[in-house]
Protein backbone atom coordinates (compact mmCIF):
# COMPACT_ATOMS: atom_id res chain seq x y z
CA UNK A 1 3.81 4.24 -15.48
CA UNK A 2 3.18 0.83 -13.89
CA UNK A 3 -0.41 -0.04 -13.16
CA UNK A 4 0.34 -0.92 -9.55
CA UNK A 5 1.65 2.58 -8.72
CA UNK A 6 -0.88 5.11 -7.45
CA UNK A 7 0.16 8.78 -7.37
CA UNK A 8 -1.40 11.71 -5.50
CA UNK A 9 -0.63 15.41 -5.79
CA UNK A 10 -1.98 16.15 -2.32
CA UNK A 11 -0.94 14.70 1.04
CA UNK A 12 -4.52 14.75 2.36
CA UNK A 13 -5.68 12.60 -0.56
CA UNK A 14 -2.76 10.23 -0.01
CA UNK A 15 -3.61 9.95 3.70
CA UNK A 16 -7.25 9.27 2.81
CA UNK A 17 -6.14 6.53 0.43
CA UNK A 18 -4.11 4.85 3.18
CA UNK A 19 -7.07 5.07 5.57
CA UNK A 20 -9.33 3.58 2.89
CA UNK A 21 -6.97 0.68 2.28
CA UNK A 22 -6.87 -0.02 6.03
CA UNK A 23 -10.68 -0.11 6.02
CA UNK A 24 -10.82 -2.46 3.03
CA UNK A 25 -8.19 -4.75 4.55
CA UNK A 26 -10.51 -5.38 7.51
CA UNK A 27 -13.03 -6.88 5.09
CA UNK A 28 -10.41 -8.86 3.21
CA UNK A 29 -9.18 -10.57 6.42
CA UNK A 30 -11.89 -13.25 6.22
CA UNK A 31 -10.51 -14.24 2.80
CA UNK A 32 -6.93 -14.17 4.11
CA UNK A 33 -6.01 -11.36 1.70
CA UNK A 34 -4.79 -7.83 2.14
CA UNK A 35 -3.72 -4.86 0.08
CA UNK A 36 -0.09 -4.10 0.79
CA UNK A 37 1.16 -0.55 0.33
CA UNK A 38 4.73 0.61 0.00
CA UNK A 39 5.37 4.35 -0.01
CA UNK A 40 7.84 5.37 -2.72
CA UNK A 41 10.36 7.83 -1.29
CA UNK A 42 11.50 10.78 -3.42
CA UNK A 43 8.91 10.14 -6.14
CA UNK A 44 8.48 13.14 -8.42
CA UNK A 45 6.38 13.39 -11.57
CA UNK A 46 3.96 15.75 -13.25
CA UNK A 47 1.13 13.77 -11.66
CA UNK A 48 2.27 14.25 -8.06
CA UNK A 49 4.85 13.40 -5.46
CA UNK A 50 2.97 11.04 -3.11
CA UNK A 51 3.19 7.58 -4.63
CA UNK A 52 2.40 4.09 -3.39
CA UNK A 53 3.21 0.75 -4.93
CA UNK A 54 0.25 -1.57 -4.32
CA UNK A 55 -0.11 -5.32 -4.35
CA UNK A 56 -2.59 -7.90 -3.12
CA UNK A 57 -0.99 -10.55 -0.95
CA UNK A 58 -1.97 -13.43 1.31
CA UNK A 59 -2.58 -12.11 4.81
CA UNK A 60 -0.69 -14.94 6.48
CA UNK A 61 2.68 -14.02 4.95
CA UNK A 62 5.15 -12.56 7.46
CA UNK A 63 6.17 -8.94 7.01
CA UNK A 64 9.45 -7.24 7.79
CA UNK A 65 9.80 -7.15 11.56
CA UNK A 66 7.50 -10.16 12.08
CA UNK A 67 8.74 -13.37 13.62
CA UNK A 68 9.67 -15.77 10.82
CA UNK A 69 10.43 -13.04 8.29
CA UNK A 70 13.48 -13.76 6.16
CA UNK A 71 15.04 -11.06 3.99
């Protein structure tokens, strides 16, 4: 398994993780950083089925749907 994939076997734990990342991102704003999460659809393993790919990115990069985003 890749080190940037976090897996949960419970949706409440996964929701808590997302809430925690939102909280941490507020503190990272002053350093122009953020933790980016991408939910992995249809993920199934012995460890769980709620998986997120995580990365740390510059906060000033445009995201999908933002003005200036190019795919």
